[in-house]
Amino acid sequence: MNVVIRYKGTILFSPDAIYCEGVMIKAKKGLDHYILCEYKDSQSAERFISEIWPELKEGKDEVFINFE
């Protein structure tokens, strides 16, 4: 997975995986897990993952995910 996480324009890191757990969007890098964003409800978090999933499946060189 070639994902680059950015927050307010600053590159944070490139995780091994990004996933939804309840209302939280999490990323995994090595053995560490990071909370990237928390939504009001789990449907919004799941919608975010489903929106980025097609880009990840296409095997693009890099997929940029921005958080404000």
Protein backbone atom coordinates (compact mmCIF):
# COMPACT_ATOMS: atom_id res chain seq x y z
CA MET A 1 0.00 0.00 0.00
CA ASN A 2 1.46 3.34 -1.04
CA VAL A 3 -0.49 5.81 1.07
CA VAL A 4 0.84 9.14 2.24
CA ILE A 5 -1.00 10.76 5.14
CA ARG A 6 -0.95 14.55 5.25
CA TYR A 7 -2.31 16.86 7.93
CA LYS A 8 -2.70 20.55 7.08
CA GLY A 9 -0.28 20.10 4.19
CA THR A 10 2.47 18.43 6.25
CA ILE A 11 3.35 14.83 5.43
CA LEU A 12 3.00 12.70 8.55
CA PHE A 13 3.92 9.21 7.39
CA SER A 14 3.20 6.38 4.98
CA PRO A 15 1.27 3.64 6.83
CA ASP A 16 1.20 -0.07 6.07
CA ALA A 17 -2.60 -0.10 6.40
CA ILE A 18 -5.49 2.27 7.02
CA TYR A 19 -8.79 1.05 8.45
CA CYS A 20 -11.94 1.99 10.31
CA GLU A 21 -12.66 0.86 13.87
CA GLY A 22 -16.00 2.15 15.11
CA VAL A 23 -15.96 5.96 14.81
CA MET A 24 -12.18 6.14 14.37
CA ILE A 25 -9.99 6.01 11.27
CA LYS A 26 -6.75 4.26 12.22
CA ALA A 27 -3.45 3.57 10.52
CA LYS A 28 -0.94 0.81 11.17
CA LYS A 29 2.80 1.24 10.73
CA GLY A 30 4.86 -1.75 11.80
CA LEU A 31 3.49 -2.83 15.17
CA ASP A 32 2.14 0.63 16.02
CA HIS A 33 -1.45 1.78 15.50
CA TYR A 34 -2.39 5.47 15.19
CA ILE A 35 -5.74 7.24 15.43
CA LEU A 36 -5.96 9.59 12.45
CA CYS A 37 -9.45 10.97 12.77
CA GLU A 38 -12.60 10.49 14.83
CA TYR A 39 -16.06 10.91 13.33
CA LYS A 40 -19.40 11.54 15.02
CA ASP A 41 -20.73 8.14 13.94
CA SER A 42 -19.39 4.89 12.52
CA GLN A 43 -21.26 5.34 9.22
CA SER A 44 -19.22 8.47 8.44
CA ALA A 45 -15.96 6.66 9.21
CA GLU A 46 -16.98 3.70 7.05
CA ARG A 47 -17.98 6.08 4.24
CA PHE A 48 -14.50 7.67 4.34
CA ILE A 49 -12.81 4.27 3.98
CA SER A 50 -15.17 3.23 1.18
CA GLU A 51 -14.41 6.50 -0.68
CA ILE A 52 -10.63 5.96 -0.64
CA TRP A 53 -10.79 2.19 -1.25
CA PRO A 54 -11.16 2.40 -5.08
CA GLU A 55 -7.99 4.49 -5.30
CA LEU A 56 -6.09 2.00 -3.15
CA LYS A 57 -7.31 -0.95 -5.23
CA GLU A 58 -6.14 0.69 -8.47
CA GLY A 59 -2.55 0.23 -7.35
CA LYS A 60 -1.56 3.84 -7.92
CA ASP A 61 2.01 4.77 -7.16
CA GLU A 62 0.87 7.00 -4.27
CA VAL A 63 -2.50 7.85 -2.76
CA PHE A 64 -2.56 11.04 -0.73
CA ILE A 65 -5.01 11.27 2.15
CA ASN A 66 -5.50 14.71 3.64
CA PHE A 67 -6.84 15.49 7.08
CA GLU A 68 -7.61 19.05 8.13
